Amino acid sequence: MAQDSPSLHRLIVDALPLGLYFVNPEGKINVWSDGAEQLTGYLRQDVLGRLMESSIVSSLESEAPDAAASQSHLAHPSQQDFLDPELPDLPTPLTRSIRCKDGHFLAVHLREKPLRDEFGRLLGSVKIFDPAPFSAFHNRRQDKLGAFGCLDPLTGVLNHSMIEAHVKESLNLYHVYPVPFSILCYGVDDLEKFGQRYGRAAVDAAMRIVANVIENGLRPTDFLGRWMKQEFLAILPECGENDVLKVADRLRKMVPQAGVEWWGEKLHATVSIGAAVVNDSDSVSALVNRAEDALRQSSASGGNRVVVIGSSGVRAT
C-alpha cells in the first residue's frame, strides 16, 4: 500500500478514537469516520451526500441564559460561511450536543477547521468531535447510583424518592443561603393516545428519549428524576424567576427534535412544562404542588408550552 494512498488515509481517519466528518462547500457530508459511526449510531450510508440541513447534525438555536447555559446541537456553517475567505478555525473546542440515531443526545466537544487547496481555495470544513468529559463523569456517577437503587429502571434518571430527597436538600440549603432555585414538572403530551396507536413498548421508548433529551439539556449541577408514572421533575439550582421561563422553553423546544425509530416510522413527542420558583414559606409539597398546577395549566392549554408560577404571577409561552 503506497504511503500516500487514499486507502491509507482512510485507515488513519478510522483509527482515530473520536468522530470526524468533512463537509464540502455545498454543505454535503463527504467523509464520515468509524468513530463518528460508533458515537452517533449513524452509518456512512445514512449521512454521506446529505445536506447539513437535512442531516442529524443540523443546528438548533440555543436560548439558554448564562444562569442555565446548556448545549445546542452541533452547529454548522452556512453556505455563506464557506464563501467567506476569513472563515475561522476553532482550535478551542465548543461544547455542543449531537442527536444520535436512537434519538438521545450526546454532549460533545467540537473542533472545526476549514480545509484549503494549495491555491487557497476553500474545499470544505473538517469537524472533529468527542464526548465531553462531564458526560463520562456523569455515566460513572449513574453506574454508582444505579448500584444503590437510586435510579428509575425505565428511564435511567433519578427515581421518585431520590429526586424528592434532592428537593428537600435544596429547600434546607435555601433556608440557610437564600439563593433562588426553581423546579420544573414535565409531562409528555397525549401519552395515552400515543399508547393506543403504537402500544406500551412505544410509550416506554418515548419516555426514555424524553428523559434523555431533558437530562442532556440540563447543566451538570441540575437534577432530573421521574416524579410520577408519566411525569418528570427537574431541580435548577441558582435559577430564579428571571431565567426559568427562558430555560424551560429552550428545553421544551429540544424534545421534538429527538425521535424514536419505530417499525420504520420516526415517532416524535412534545412536552408540557410547569415551573415554580422557591419562596421563603415553601415546603416540599407546596413547591411541587405549584409546579404541578402550572403543568396542568400548560396541558389544558393544548400542551407543548411552558407555564411558570412565580411571585410576580403566572407567565406562559
Protein backbone atom coordinates (compact mmCIF):
# COMPACT_ATOMS: atom_id res chain seq x y z
CA MET A 1 0.00 0.00 0.00
CA ALA A 2 1.51 3.35 -1.03
CA GLN A 3 2.15 5.70 1.86
CA ASP A 4 0.04 8.45 0.28
CA SER A 5 -2.76 6.23 -0.99
CA PRO A 6 -6.42 7.06 -0.26
CA SER A 7 -6.79 3.67 1.44
CA LEU A 8 -4.07 4.52 3.95
CA HIS A 9 -5.65 7.90 4.63
CA ARG A 10 -8.96 6.18 5.22
CA LEU A 11 -7.38 3.75 7.69
CA ILE A 12 -5.75 6.62 9.58
CA VAL A 13 -9.04 8.53 9.83
CA ASP A 14 -10.91 5.44 11.02
CA ALA A 15 -8.22 4.64 13.61
CA LEU A 16 -8.85 7.93 15.42
CA PRO A 17 -10.69 7.42 18.76
CA LEU A 18 -13.12 10.25 18.03
CA GLY A 19 -15.70 11.34 15.48
CA LEU A 20 -14.58 13.05 12.29
CA TYR A 21 -16.52 14.24 9.27
CA PHE A 22 -15.95 16.53 6.30
CA VAL A 23 -18.48 18.95 4.77
CA ASN A 24 -17.98 20.33 1.25
CA PRO A 25 -18.82 23.93 0.20
CA GLU A 26 -22.33 22.83 -0.82
CA GLY A 27 -22.97 21.68 2.74
CA LYS A 28 -22.88 17.94 1.98
CA ILE A 29 -21.11 15.39 4.17
CA ASN A 30 -18.38 13.66 2.12
CA VAL A 31 -16.47 11.84 4.88
CA TRP A 32 -17.88 10.09 7.96
CA SER A 33 -15.40 8.17 10.10
CA ASP A 34 -15.74 4.92 12.04
CA GLY A 35 -15.56 6.98 15.22
CA ALA A 36 -18.49 9.10 14.07
CA GLU A 37 -20.47 5.91 13.40
CA GLN A 38 -19.69 4.50 16.82
CA LEU A 39 -20.52 7.70 18.72
CA THR A 40 -23.74 8.55 16.88
CA GLY A 41 -25.08 5.22 15.66
CA TYR A 42 -25.36 6.62 12.12
CA LEU A 43 -23.61 4.60 9.42
CA ARG A 44 -21.91 6.18 6.42
CA GLN A 45 -24.79 5.28 4.14
CA ASP A 46 -27.11 7.26 6.45
CA VAL A 47 -25.25 10.56 6.03
CA LEU A 48 -22.87 10.61 3.05
CA GLY A 49 -24.00 13.00 0.34
CA ARG A 50 -26.67 14.56 2.55
CA LEU A 51 -27.03 18.28 3.11
CA MET A 52 -26.24 19.53 6.58
CA GLU A 53 -29.75 21.00 6.91
CA SER A 54 -31.36 17.57 6.50
CA SER A 55 -28.78 15.57 8.45
CA ILE A 56 -28.54 14.55 12.05
CA VAL A 57 -26.06 17.34 12.71
CA SER A 58 -28.48 20.17 11.88
CA SER A 59 -28.20 23.11 14.27
CA LEU A 60 -30.66 24.13 16.94
CA GLU A 61 -30.56 27.69 18.25
CA SER A 62 -29.77 27.77 21.95
CA GLU A 63 -31.65 30.29 24.05
CA ALA A 64 -30.03 29.40 27.35
CA PRO A 65 -29.11 32.35 29.57
CA ASP A 66 -25.80 32.30 31.39
CA ALA A 67 -27.54 31.20 34.58
CA ALA A 68 -28.52 27.93 32.96
CA ALA A 69 -26.37 27.60 29.88
CA SER A 70 -26.52 24.28 28.11
CA GLN A 71 -25.72 22.60 24.85
CA SER A 72 -27.28 23.03 21.45
CA HIS A 73 -26.98 20.62 18.53
CA LEU A 74 -23.78 20.59 16.54
CA ALA A 75 -23.59 23.99 14.93
CA HIS A 76 -22.73 24.05 11.24
CA PRO A 77 -21.53 26.74 8.86
CA SER A 78 -23.91 28.03 6.25
CA GLN A 79 -23.04 28.15 2.57
CA GLN A 80 -22.25 31.83 3.02
CA ASP A 81 -19.68 30.87 5.66
CA PHE A 82 -17.93 28.65 3.12
CA LEU A 83 -17.74 31.55 0.67
CA ASP A 84 -16.11 33.74 3.31
CA PRO A 85 -12.29 33.63 2.92
CA GLU A 86 -11.95 34.61 6.57
CA LEU A 87 -13.79 31.53 7.91
CA PRO A 88 -12.03 30.99 11.26
CA ASP A 89 -10.51 27.91 12.77
CA LEU A 90 -11.93 26.70 16.06
CA PRO A 91 -8.85 25.40 17.93
CA THR A 92 -10.74 25.73 21.23
CA PRO A 93 -13.48 23.10 21.44
CA LEU A 94 -17.10 24.17 21.70
CA THR A 95 -19.49 22.15 23.85
CA ARG A 96 -22.45 21.02 21.77
CA SER A 97 -24.98 18.20 21.66
CA ILE A 98 -25.43 15.75 18.82
CA ARG A 99 -28.63 13.86 18.20
CA CYS A 100 -27.82 10.16 17.89
CA LYS A 101 -29.67 7.66 15.71
CA ASP A 102 -31.67 6.21 18.60
CA GLY A 103 -32.91 9.70 19.42
CA HIS A 104 -30.87 10.53 22.50
CA PHE A 105 -28.49 13.45 22.79
CA LEU A 106 -24.75 13.20 23.38
CA ALA A 107 -22.76 16.13 24.76
CA VAL A 108 -19.57 16.53 22.74
CA HIS A 109 -16.59 18.81 22.29
CA LEU A 110 -16.46 20.08 18.69
CA ARG A 111 -13.47 21.43 16.79
CA GLU A 112 -13.64 22.75 13.25
CA LYS A 113 -11.02 23.69 10.65
CA PRO A 114 -11.53 24.95 7.09
CA LEU A 115 -9.59 22.92 4.51
CA ARG A 116 -7.99 24.69 1.52
CA ASP A 117 -6.02 23.57 -1.52
CA GLU A 118 -2.55 24.81 -2.49
CA PHE A 119 -4.11 27.87 -4.16
CA GLY A 120 -6.06 28.88 -1.05
CA ARG A 121 -9.43 27.81 -2.43
CA LEU A 122 -11.79 26.51 0.23
CA LEU A 123 -12.51 22.78 -0.15
CA GLY A 124 -14.79 22.48 2.87
CA SER A 125 -14.64 22.07 6.61
CA VAL A 126 -13.22 19.26 8.75
CA LYS A 127 -15.09 18.72 12.01
CA ILE A 128 -13.86 16.59 14.92
CA PHE A 129 -15.93 15.72 17.97
CA ASP A 130 -15.56 13.57 21.06
CA PRO A 131 -17.67 13.07 24.21
CA ALA A 132 -17.42 15.95 26.65
CA PRO A 133 -15.58 15.00 29.87
CA PHE A 134 -18.59 15.68 32.06
CA SER A 135 -20.54 13.09 30.03
CA ALA A 136 -18.06 10.40 31.04
CA PHE A 137 -18.20 11.57 34.65
CA HIS A 138 -21.99 11.52 34.52
CA ASN A 139 -22.00 7.95 33.20
CA ARG A 140 -19.71 6.77 36.01
CA ARG A 141 -21.87 8.53 38.59
CA GLN A 142 -25.01 6.94 37.14
CA ASP A 143 -23.44 3.50 37.46
CA LYS A 144 -22.79 4.11 41.15
CA LEU A 145 -26.29 5.49 41.79
CA GLY A 146 -27.82 2.52 39.99
CA ALA A 147 -25.94 0.12 42.27
CA PHE A 148 -27.62 1.76 45.27
CA GLY A 149 -31.14 1.68 43.78
CA CYS A 150 -31.36 5.44 43.20
CA LEU A 151 -32.42 5.31 39.54
CA ASP A 152 -35.69 4.76 37.75
CA PRO A 153 -35.29 1.41 35.93
CA LEU A 154 -37.13 2.52 32.78
CA THR A 155 -35.64 5.94 32.07
CA GLY A 156 -32.33 5.84 33.95
CA VAL A 157 -32.91 9.18 35.71
CA LEU A 158 -33.30 9.54 39.48
CA ASN A 159 -36.29 7.73 40.94
CA HIS A 160 -39.10 9.40 42.91
CA SER A 161 -37.60 9.06 46.39
CA MET A 162 -34.16 10.27 45.26
CA ILE A 163 -35.41 13.38 43.46
CA GLU A 164 -37.69 14.13 46.43
CA ALA A 165 -34.64 13.94 48.72
CA HIS A 166 -32.88 16.46 46.48
CA VAL A 167 -35.88 18.84 46.68
CA LYS A 168 -35.72 18.62 50.49
CA GLU A 169 -31.98 19.22 50.40
CA SER A 170 -32.42 22.24 48.11
CA LEU A 171 -35.05 23.73 50.44
CA ASN A 172 -32.89 23.22 53.52
CA LEU A 173 -29.98 24.93 51.78
CA TYR A 174 -32.25 27.78 50.65
CA HIS A 175 -33.31 28.46 54.23
CA VAL A 176 -29.62 28.87 55.17
CA TYR A 177 -28.43 30.61 51.99
CA PRO A 178 -31.43 32.11 50.17
CA VAL A 179 -30.07 31.63 46.64
CA PRO A 180 -33.18 31.10 44.47
CA PHE A 181 -33.85 27.85 42.67
CA SER A 182 -36.67 26.53 40.52
CA ILE A 183 -38.30 23.21 39.79
CA LEU A 184 -39.83 22.05 36.53
CA CYS A 185 -42.53 19.41 36.12
CA TYR A 186 -42.58 17.78 32.67
CA GLY A 187 -45.47 15.79 31.28
CA VAL A 188 -45.37 14.02 27.90
CA ASP A 189 -48.30 15.26 25.79
CA ASP A 190 -51.06 12.89 24.65
CA LEU A 191 -49.25 9.85 26.01
CA GLU A 192 -52.49 7.86 26.29
CA LYS A 193 -53.30 8.39 22.62
CA PHE A 194 -49.68 7.62 21.77
CA GLY A 195 -50.01 4.29 23.57
CA GLN A 196 -53.32 3.44 21.92
CA ARG A 197 -51.78 3.94 18.50
CA TYR A 198 -48.32 2.42 18.95
CA GLY A 199 -48.51 0.26 22.07
CA ARG A 200 -46.96 0.17 25.53
CA ALA A 201 -43.42 -0.50 24.28
CA ALA A 202 -43.51 2.67 22.17
CA VAL A 203 -44.63 4.66 25.23
CA ASP A 204 -41.69 3.30 27.21
CA ALA A 205 -39.31 4.22 24.38
CA ALA A 206 -40.75 7.75 24.23
CA MET A 207 -40.33 8.16 27.99
CA ARG A 208 -36.69 7.10 27.75
CA ILE A 209 -35.98 9.51 24.90
CA VAL A 210 -37.71 12.45 26.63
CA ALA A 211 -35.76 11.75 29.84
CA ASN A 212 -32.50 11.63 27.90
CA VAL A 213 -33.19 14.84 25.99
CA ILE A 214 -34.08 16.74 29.15
CA GLU A 215 -31.13 15.38 31.09
CA ASN A 216 -28.66 16.29 28.35
CA GLY A 217 -30.19 19.75 28.07
CA LEU A 218 -29.66 20.48 31.76
CA ARG A 219 -26.46 21.63 33.43
CA PRO A 220 -24.28 19.14 35.30
CA THR A 221 -25.40 20.82 38.55
CA ASP A 222 -29.12 20.28 37.86
CA PHE A 223 -31.12 17.21 38.89
CA LEU A 224 -33.75 15.24 36.99
CA GLY A 225 -35.97 12.47 38.29
CA ARG A 226 -39.10 10.56 37.42
CA TRP A 227 -41.74 12.02 39.70
CA MET A 228 -44.90 10.21 38.59
CA LYS A 229 -45.64 7.49 36.06
CA GLN A 230 -45.82 9.97 33.17
CA GLU A 231 -44.11 12.95 34.76
CA PHE A 232 -40.55 14.16 35.39
CA LEU A 233 -39.27 16.70 37.88
CA ALA A 234 -36.13 18.79 37.45
CA ILE A 235 -34.35 20.96 40.02
CA LEU A 236 -32.50 24.02 38.70
CA PRO A 237 -30.17 25.48 41.38
CA GLU A 238 -29.36 29.19 41.12
CA CYS A 239 -32.13 29.69 38.57
CA GLY A 240 -34.63 32.32 39.62
CA GLU A 241 -37.73 33.91 38.22
CA ASN A 242 -35.87 35.96 35.61
CA ASP A 243 -34.37 32.87 33.99
CA VAL A 244 -36.68 29.91 34.46
CA LEU A 245 -39.20 30.64 31.67
CA LYS A 246 -36.45 31.00 29.07
CA VAL A 247 -34.63 27.88 30.27
CA ALA A 248 -37.80 25.77 30.34
CA ASP A 249 -38.86 26.93 26.89
CA ARG A 250 -35.45 26.06 25.45
CA LEU A 251 -35.74 22.54 26.87
CA ARG A 252 -39.31 22.25 25.57
CA LYS A 253 -38.10 23.02 22.05
CA MET A 254 -35.39 20.35 22.25
CA VAL A 255 -37.76 17.43 22.84
CA PRO A 256 -39.49 17.33 19.40
CA GLN A 257 -36.07 17.37 17.72
CA ALA A 258 -35.42 13.87 19.04
CA GLY A 259 -37.34 10.83 17.87
CA VAL A 260 -37.74 7.09 18.16
CA GLU A 261 -37.31 4.75 15.20
CA TRP A 262 -40.39 2.54 15.47
CA TRP A 263 -41.12 -0.09 12.81
CA GLY A 264 -39.87 2.16 10.04
CA GLU A 265 -41.58 5.26 11.38
CA LYS A 266 -39.97 8.18 13.18
CA LEU A 267 -42.03 8.97 16.26
CA HIS A 268 -41.79 12.35 17.97
CA ALA A 269 -43.14 13.64 21.28
CA THR A 270 -43.77 17.02 22.85
CA VAL A 271 -43.91 18.00 26.50
CA SER A 272 -45.86 20.41 28.64
CA ILE A 273 -43.87 22.06 31.41
CA GLY A 274 -44.93 23.63 34.68
CA ALA A 275 -42.39 25.65 36.66
CA ALA A 276 -42.31 27.09 40.16
CA VAL A 277 -39.75 29.32 41.85
CA VAL A 278 -39.00 28.77 45.53
CA ASN A 279 -40.25 31.23 48.16
CA ASP A 280 -39.49 31.62 51.86
CA SER A 281 -42.58 29.78 53.15
CA ASP A 282 -42.27 26.74 50.87
CA SER A 283 -42.38 23.13 51.94
CA VAL A 284 -41.63 20.30 49.52
CA SER A 285 -45.33 19.69 48.90
CA ALA A 286 -46.15 23.40 48.45
CA LEU A 287 -43.35 23.92 45.95
CA VAL A 288 -44.12 20.78 43.95
CA ASN A 289 -47.87 21.47 44.03
CA ARG A 290 -47.31 24.86 42.38
CA ALA A 291 -45.22 23.29 39.64
CA GLU A 292 -47.81 20.55 39.08
CA ASP A 293 -50.57 23.15 38.96
CA ALA A 294 -48.57 25.03 36.32
CA LEU A 295 -48.14 21.75 34.41
CA ARG A 296 -51.90 21.16 34.45
CA GLN A 297 -52.46 24.68 33.10
CA SER A 298 -49.92 24.04 30.36
CA SER A 299 -51.57 20.75 29.34
CA ALA A 300 -55.06 22.27 29.46
CA SER A 301 -53.95 25.00 27.07
CA GLY A 302 -53.11 22.45 24.38
CA GLY A 303 -49.71 21.20 25.51
CA ASN A 304 -46.24 21.82 24.14
CA ARG A 305 -45.88 25.00 26.19
CA VAL A 306 -44.49 26.33 29.46
CA VAL A 307 -46.35 27.88 32.40
CA VAL A 308 -44.43 29.43 35.30
CA ILE A 309 -45.95 30.30 38.67
CA GLY A 310 -43.79 32.83 40.49
CA SER A 311 -44.08 35.73 42.89
CA SER A 312 -45.00 38.04 40.03
CA GLY A 313 -47.87 35.80 38.92
CA VAL A 314 -48.36 33.34 36.08
CA ARG A 315 -46.31 33.58 32.91
CA ALA A 316 -46.51 31.35 29.85
CA THR A 317 -45.02 30.81 26.43
